[in-house]
Amino acid sequence: MKKLILALSLLSQLYIQAQKKIDIYVPLRTFHYQRNTETMRDYYKTEGGDIGLILKVDNISAGAFRNSYGDTSFTLMYGLQFKTSKNINSSFNFGIATGYEKFYSESKIGHKFPKILKTNGLLPTALISISYSKFKLQPTIVISPTFINAGITYQIYDSTKLRN
């Protein structure tokens, strides 16, 4: 419950601090690169990433989602955004996610991470996000070193479009 209250207070602060852009990302499906029988047995039946909500305010993202192990994860990330072409937006995001206790107990590489991360079930994150931004509902692909996630980004507010 404490994590939920913390996440909601972070989200409300992000909303209040918004200056340029507010988006909501809804993950729909995850596909992991390593797909051998042993690895797939550890993952949740949908490989996670199919339920959640991430609020993106300017360069900060925070929210909750179902992770690869079927557990609820909260995330906080900072992103560098850039326009790749007229209707393509991209960003590089890095941060931290909670809820990865199973990663450290079941994964072969989990023992290589620092003890503070293992003890708290935290996982560092690095993602590249690509959106087709012509419409308010934007198909989005999120690429990480271990998976690809597809979802929808809904644009709530964009002050740069108000000026044009």
C-alpha atoms as a PDB file:
ATOM      1  CA  MET A   1       0.000   0.000   0.000  1.00  0.00           C
ATOM      2  CA  LYS A   2       2.903   2.355   0.762  1.00  0.00           C
ATOM      3  CA  LYS A   3       4.260   1.840  -2.774  1.00  0.00           C
ATOM      4  CA  LEU A   4       0.861   2.659  -4.275  1.00  0.00           C
ATOM      5  CA  ILE A   5       0.551   5.865  -2.246  1.00  0.00           C
ATOM      6  CA  LEU A   6       4.101   6.856  -3.222  1.00  0.00           C
ATOM      7  CA  ALA A   7       3.386   6.152  -6.905  1.00  0.00           C
ATOM      8  CA  LEU A   8       0.134   8.171  -6.837  1.00  0.00           C
ATOM      9  CA  SER A   9       1.837  11.120  -5.144  1.00  0.00           C
ATOM     10  CA  LEU A  10       4.635  11.022  -7.760  1.00  0.00           C
ATOM     11  CA  LEU A  11       2.053  10.952 -10.553  1.00  0.00           C
ATOM     12  CA  SER A  12       0.147  13.906  -9.104  1.00  0.00           C
ATOM     13  CA  GLN A  13       3.381  15.910  -8.751  1.00  0.00           C
ATOM     14  CA  LEU A  14       4.298  15.123 -12.353  1.00  0.00           C
ATOM     15  CA  TYR A  15       0.888  16.301 -13.520  1.00  0.00           C
ATOM     16  CA  ILE A  16       1.174  19.562 -11.571  1.00  0.00           C
ATOM     17  CA  GLN A  17       4.704  20.245 -12.903  1.00  0.00           C
ATOM     18  CA  ALA A  18       3.764  19.694 -16.571  1.00  0.00           C
ATOM     19  CA  GLN A  19       4.881  22.440 -18.882  1.00  0.00           C
ATOM     20  CA  LYS A  20       4.981  21.126 -22.446  1.00  0.00           C
ATOM     21  CA  LYS A  21       3.576  17.656 -22.931  1.00  0.00           C
ATOM     22  CA  ILE A  22       1.451  15.055 -21.114  1.00  0.00           C
ATOM     23  CA  ASP A  23       0.950  11.531 -22.511  1.00  0.00           C
ATOM     24  CA  ILE A  24      -0.443   8.282 -21.158  1.00  0.00           C
ATOM     25  CA  TYR A  25       1.124   5.020 -22.364  1.00  0.00           C
ATOM     26  CA  VAL A  26      -0.885   1.796 -22.134  1.00  0.00           C
ATOM     27  CA  PRO A  27       1.222  -1.338 -22.752  1.00  0.00           C
ATOM     28  CA  LEU A  28      -0.590  -4.067 -24.708  1.00  0.00           C
ATOM     29  CA  ARG A  29       1.865  -6.913 -25.419  1.00  0.00           C
ATOM     30  CA  THR A  30       5.458  -7.898 -24.670  1.00  0.00           C
ATOM     31  CA  PHE A  31       7.731 -10.201 -26.668  1.00  0.00           C
ATOM     32  CA  HIS A  32      11.048 -11.332 -25.111  1.00  0.00           C
ATOM     33  CA  TYR A  33      14.102 -11.982 -27.285  1.00  0.00           C
ATOM     34  CA  GLN A  34      15.322 -15.025 -25.348  1.00  0.00           C
ATOM     35  CA  ARG A  35      12.626 -17.608 -26.015  1.00  0.00           C
ATOM     36  CA  ASN A  36      14.035 -20.986 -25.001  1.00  0.00           C
ATOM     37  CA  THR A  37      11.861 -23.383 -22.962  1.00  0.00           C
ATOM     38  CA  GLU A  38      13.661 -22.731 -19.689  1.00  0.00           C
ATOM     39  CA  THR A  39      13.343 -18.951 -19.940  1.00  0.00           C
ATOM     40  CA  MET A  40       9.730 -18.963 -21.126  1.00  0.00           C
ATOM     41  CA  ARG A  41       8.729 -21.192 -18.199  1.00  0.00           C
ATOM     42  CA  ASP A  42       9.729 -18.416 -15.770  1.00  0.00           C
ATOM     43  CA  TYR A  43       7.654 -15.715 -17.475  1.00  0.00           C
ATOM     44  CA  TYR A  44       3.990 -14.972 -16.947  1.00  0.00           C
ATOM     45  CA  LYS A  45       1.743 -16.575 -19.602  1.00  0.00           C
ATOM     46  CA  THR A  46       1.479 -13.328 -21.634  1.00  0.00           C
ATOM     47  CA  GLU A  47       5.110 -12.401 -20.904  1.00  0.00           C
ATOM     48  CA  GLY A  48       3.752  -9.405 -18.974  1.00  0.00           C
ATOM     49  CA  GLY A  49       3.577  -5.876 -20.304  1.00  0.00           C
ATOM     50  CA  ASP A  50      -0.090  -6.316 -21.187  1.00  0.00           C
ATOM     51  CA  ILE A  51      -1.706  -4.348 -18.364  1.00  0.00           C
ATOM     52  CA  GLY A  52      -0.632  -0.995 -17.002  1.00  0.00           C
ATOM     53  CA  LEU A  53      -0.568   2.744 -17.273  1.00  0.00           C
ATOM     54  CA  ILE A  54       2.459   5.026 -17.570  1.00  0.00           C
ATOM     55  CA  LEU A  55       2.039   8.791 -17.252  1.00  0.00           C
ATOM     56  CA  LYS A  56       4.643  10.737 -19.241  1.00  0.00           C
ATOM     57  CA  VAL A  57       5.021  14.375 -18.259  1.00  0.00           C
ATOM     58  CA  ASP A  58       7.646  16.199 -20.286  1.00  0.00           C
ATOM     59  CA  ASN A  59      10.791  14.100 -19.702  1.00  0.00           C
ATOM     60  CA  ILE A  60       9.571  12.112 -16.668  1.00  0.00           C
ATOM     61  CA  SER A  61       7.582   8.849 -16.820  1.00  0.00           C
ATOM     62  CA  ALA A  62       5.952   7.104 -13.854  1.00  0.00           C
ATOM     63  CA  GLY A  63       3.353   4.405 -13.523  1.00  0.00           C
ATOM     64  CA  ALA A  64       2.507   0.763 -12.921  1.00  0.00           C
ATOM     65  CA  PHE A  65       2.386  -2.314 -15.143  1.00  0.00           C
ATOM     66  CA  ARG A  66       2.390  -6.117 -15.033  1.00  0.00           C
ATOM     67  CA  ASN A  67       5.992  -7.274 -15.392  1.00  0.00           C
ATOM     68  CA  SER A  68       7.378 -10.376 -17.130  1.00  0.00           C
ATOM     69  CA  TYR A  69       6.807 -12.484 -14.022  1.00  0.00           C
ATOM     70  CA  GLY A  70       3.150 -11.462 -13.629  1.00  0.00           C
ATOM     71  CA  ASP A  71       3.800  -9.149 -10.677  1.00  0.00           C
ATOM     72  CA  THR A  72       2.865  -5.492 -10.360  1.00  0.00           C
ATOM     73  CA  SER A  73       5.777  -3.139 -10.972  1.00  0.00           C
ATOM     74  CA  PHE A  74       6.028   0.587 -10.398  1.00  0.00           C
ATOM     75  CA  THR A  75       8.451   2.547 -12.536  1.00  0.00           C
ATOM     76  CA  LEU A  76      10.070   5.959 -12.568  1.00  0.00           C
ATOM     77  CA  MET A  77      12.121   7.004 -15.608  1.00  0.00           C
ATOM     78  CA  TYR A  78      13.742  10.044 -17.151  1.00  0.00           C
ATOM     79  CA  GLY A  79      13.674  10.369 -20.931  1.00  0.00           C
ATOM     80  CA  LEU A  80      15.405  12.335 -23.639  1.00  0.00           C
ATOM     81  CA  GLN A  81      12.872  13.027 -26.382  1.00  0.00           C
ATOM     82  CA  PHE A  82      13.485  13.892 -30.007  1.00  0.00           C
ATOM     83  CA  LYS A  83      11.469  14.111 -33.200  1.00  0.00           C
ATOM     84  CA  THR A  84      12.780  11.576 -35.709  1.00  0.00           C
ATOM     85  CA  SER A  85      10.596  12.813 -38.574  1.00  0.00           C
ATOM     86  CA  LYS A  86       7.389  14.803 -39.023  1.00  0.00           C
ATOM     87  CA  ASN A  87       5.124  12.133 -37.474  1.00  0.00           C
ATOM     88  CA  ILE A  88       7.619   9.962 -35.597  1.00  0.00           C
ATOM     89  CA  ASN A  89       8.606  10.766 -32.004  1.00  0.00           C
ATOM     90  CA  SER A  90      11.385   8.864 -30.262  1.00  0.00           C
ATOM     91  CA  SER A  91      12.812   8.870 -26.784  1.00  0.00           C
ATOM     92  CA  PHE A  92      15.549   7.206 -24.791  1.00  0.00           C
ATOM     93  CA  ASN A  93      14.439   6.486 -21.214  1.00  0.00           C
ATOM     94  CA  PHE A  94      16.321   5.204 -18.208  1.00  0.00           C
ATOM     95  CA  GLY A  95      15.227   4.644 -14.626  1.00  0.00           C
ATOM     96  CA  ILE A  96      14.161   1.995 -12.137  1.00  0.00           C
ATOM     97  CA  ALA A  97      11.286  -0.484 -11.719  1.00  0.00           C
ATOM     98  CA  THR A  98      10.060  -2.307  -8.608  1.00  0.00           C
ATOM     99  CA  GLY A  99       8.587  -5.811  -8.302  1.00  0.00           C
ATOM    100  CA  TYR A 100      11.453  -7.891  -9.686  1.00  0.00           C
ATOM    101  CA  GLU A 101      12.109 -10.196  -6.720  1.00  0.00           C
ATOM    102  CA  LYS A 102      11.513 -13.241  -8.983  1.00  0.00           C
ATOM    103  CA  PHE A 103      14.154 -12.007 -11.428  1.00  0.00           C
ATOM    104  CA  TYR A 104      16.787 -12.198  -8.726  1.00  0.00           C
ATOM    105  CA  SER A 105      15.648 -15.575  -7.376  1.00  0.00           C
ATOM    106  CA  GLU A 106      14.964 -17.318 -10.723  1.00  0.00           C
ATOM    107  CA  SER A 107      17.289 -15.663 -13.253  1.00  0.00           C
ATOM    108  CA  LYS A 108      20.775 -16.937 -14.039  1.00  0.00           C
ATOM    109  CA  ILE A 109      22.143 -13.376 -14.314  1.00  0.00           C
ATOM    110  CA  GLY A 110      20.319 -11.926 -11.278  1.00  0.00           C
ATOM    111  CA  HIS A 111      23.256 -12.715  -8.975  1.00  0.00           C
ATOM    112  CA  LYS A 112      25.467 -10.262 -10.924  1.00  0.00           C
ATOM    113  CA  PHE A 113      23.453  -7.210  -9.803  1.00  0.00           C
ATOM    114  CA  PRO A 114      24.287  -5.122  -6.698  1.00  0.00           C
ATOM    115  CA  LYS A 115      22.865  -6.335  -3.383  1.00  0.00           C
ATOM    116  CA  ILE A 116      20.755  -3.187  -2.835  1.00  0.00           C
ATOM    117  CA  LEU A 117      18.816  -3.917  -6.043  1.00  0.00           C
ATOM    118  CA  LYS A 118      18.338  -7.622  -5.150  1.00  0.00           C
ATOM    119  CA  THR A 119      17.204  -6.881  -1.610  1.00  0.00           C
ATOM    120  CA  ASN A 120      14.539  -4.423  -2.777  1.00  0.00           C
ATOM    121  CA  GLY A 121      13.496  -6.182  -6.009  1.00  0.00           C
ATOM    122  CA  LEU A 122      14.541  -3.163  -8.081  1.00  0.00           C
ATOM    123  CA  LEU A 123      15.610  -3.426 -11.693  1.00  0.00           C
ATOM    124  CA  PRO A 124      17.401  -0.674 -13.658  1.00  0.00           C
ATOM    125  CA  THR A 125      15.646   0.097 -16.935  1.00  0.00           C
ATOM    126  CA  ALA A 126      16.770   1.493 -20.276  1.00  0.00           C
ATOM    127  CA  LEU A 127      14.278   1.787 -23.127  1.00  0.00           C
ATOM    128  CA  ILE A 128      13.902   3.304 -26.563  1.00  0.00           C
ATOM    129  CA  SER A 129      10.369   4.377 -27.413  1.00  0.00           C
ATOM    130  CA  ILE A 130       9.097   5.109 -30.934  1.00  0.00           C
ATOM    131  CA  SER A 131       5.607   6.557 -31.594  1.00  0.00           C
ATOM    132  CA  TYR A 132       3.675   7.446 -34.715  1.00  0.00           C
ATOM    133  CA  SER A 133       2.425  10.825 -33.532  1.00  0.00           C
ATOM    134  CA  LYS A 134       0.024  12.018 -36.221  1.00  0.00           C
ATOM    135  CA  PHE A 135      -3.057  11.313 -34.080  1.00  0.00           C
ATOM    136  CA  LYS A 136      -4.002  11.627 -30.388  1.00  0.00           C
ATOM    137  CA  LEU A 137      -3.947   7.808 -30.145  1.00  0.00           C
ATOM    138  CA  GLN A 138      -0.415   6.855 -31.155  1.00  0.00           C
ATOM    139  CA  PRO A 139       0.820   3.313 -31.809  1.00  0.00           C
ATOM    140  CA  THR A 140       4.039   2.937 -29.827  1.00  0.00           C
ATOM    141  CA  ILE A 141       6.892   0.429 -29.774  1.00  0.00           C
ATOM    142  CA  VAL A 142       9.141   0.208 -26.707  1.00  0.00           C
ATOM    143  CA  ILE A 143      12.489  -1.551 -27.201  1.00  0.00           C
ATOM    144  CA  SER A 144      14.708  -2.703 -24.336  1.00  0.00           C
ATOM    145  CA  PRO A 145      17.762  -4.978 -24.186  1.00  0.00           C
ATOM    146  CA  THR A 146      15.498  -7.938 -23.239  1.00  0.00           C
ATOM    147  CA  PHE A 147      12.086  -7.312 -24.847  1.00  0.00           C
ATOM    148  CA  ILE A 148       9.904  -5.392 -27.291  1.00  0.00           C
ATOM    149  CA  ASN A 149       6.588  -3.992 -26.046  1.00  0.00           C
ATOM    150  CA  ALA A 150       3.762  -2.653 -28.182  1.00  0.00           C
ATOM    151  CA  GLY A 151       1.171  -0.265 -26.833  1.00  0.00           C
ATOM    152  CA  ILE A 152      -0.845   2.881 -27.345  1.00  0.00           C
ATOM    153  CA  THR A 153       0.120   6.389 -26.274  1.00  0.00           C
ATOM    154  CA  TYR A 154      -2.691   8.880 -25.742  1.00  0.00           C
ATOM    155  CA  GLN A 155      -1.692  12.513 -25.975  1.00  0.00           C
ATOM    156  CA  ILE A 156      -3.497  14.530 -23.301  1.00  0.00           C
ATOM    157  CA  TYR A 157      -1.749  17.854 -23.758  1.00  0.00           C
ATOM    158  CA  ASP A 158       0.945  19.305 -26.030  1.00  0.00           C
ATOM    159  CA  SER A 159       1.690  23.018 -25.692  1.00  0.00           C
ATOM    160  CA  THR A 160       3.881  22.974 -28.820  1.00  0.00           C
ATOM    161  CA  LYS A 161       0.829  22.163 -30.965  1.00  0.00           C
ATOM    162  CA  LEU A 162      -1.126  25.055 -29.421  1.00  0.00           C
ATOM    163  CA  ARG A 163       1.376  27.557 -30.825  1.00  0.00           C
ATOM    164  CA  ASN A 164       1.123  26.264 -34.407  1.00  0.00           C
END
